[in-house]
C-alpha cells in the first residue's frame, strides 16, 4: 500500500513518511481543537452535538494539516492536496484554458516534486548505468526559485533481450525491470499500461535496438529521447547501432565523430536534435 501511495503521489520514501506523519499529527490536532471548541457550546442533544462537531472538524482539518506541514516541510504538497479536494466538491473554479490542444493518448505526469524516467536498453547497459549514477548523485536537476528543483528518478528499466546485462544493473540498483516482447510492443498497446502503472513521465533510449511504435510516440510527444553514437544525420538509420556505427565511421575515413541526443519520431535516428558533442577519430 505504501508503495502505491508513493507512486500515486510521486514522492520519495522520506517525503511519504513526512506526509503520513503530517496527516496523523494534523488529524490529532484537529480532534483536540474540535473538542475544546465544543466545550463552549451547551448542546444537550447528542445528534445535534455530533453534527456541529463534524462541521467544526471539516473546517479545522485543512488549517491543522497546513500548520503541521510547515513544520515537516510538506506545505506545497498539502496546499495542492487541499486545493484538489476543494475542486472535487465544487469549492474551486477551473481556470479558463485558451487554445487548448487535444490531450495525448497517454497523459504524462509533470510533477514539481519528481519526474520518473524509464530507460529502454537492449545490451550491457553502460549508458543506463551512467544515467542512474548521475541522477542518484544529482537529486536536484532543474533549479527552482526557492529550494531545490524536481527530483529525477529512474523508475523502470525496459529491455527486449532476456540475456542483456542491463537487467543485472536493474537488479543491482533495485530498479524494477520490464522484459518486453515484439507482439505486444508493435501490435498491442506498446506496454502503455505498464508505463502508466509506473507513472513514467519521460523515456530515454540508451542502446535500445527496436524502432519505437507510433502509439508510444503519440503517448509521449517530445518526451522520448535517443542517444546515438554518431553525428546525425550521418551514420544513422536502420541497422546503424553500437560498434557498427564506429566501424563505418572509420571505414569512411572520417576525421571526427561524436554523440547525438535527439527526440524520437516515427523514423530511425530522425527526430529533432537536442545536443551534439564531437571528438576526433584517432
Foldseek 3Di string as FASTA:
>chain_A
DLVQVCQVLVADPLVSVLLVVLLVQLLVVLLVVLVVVLVVDDDDDPVVSVVVSVVSSVVRSLVSSCVSCVVSVCNVVSVVVVVVVCVVVPNDDDDDDPPDDDAFPAHADDDFAAAEEEEEAEAQCPVVVVVQVVLVVVQQDDDDPDDGTHGYHHAEYEYQYPPHNVVVVCVVVVHHYHHDYDCCCAVNQNCVVVCVSSRHRAYEYEHHQDQHHQNVCRNHPQRYKYKAFWDPPPQWFHPRGDVNSVVVCVVVPHQKTWMWMAGHDRTTPDHHTDDIDMDTDD
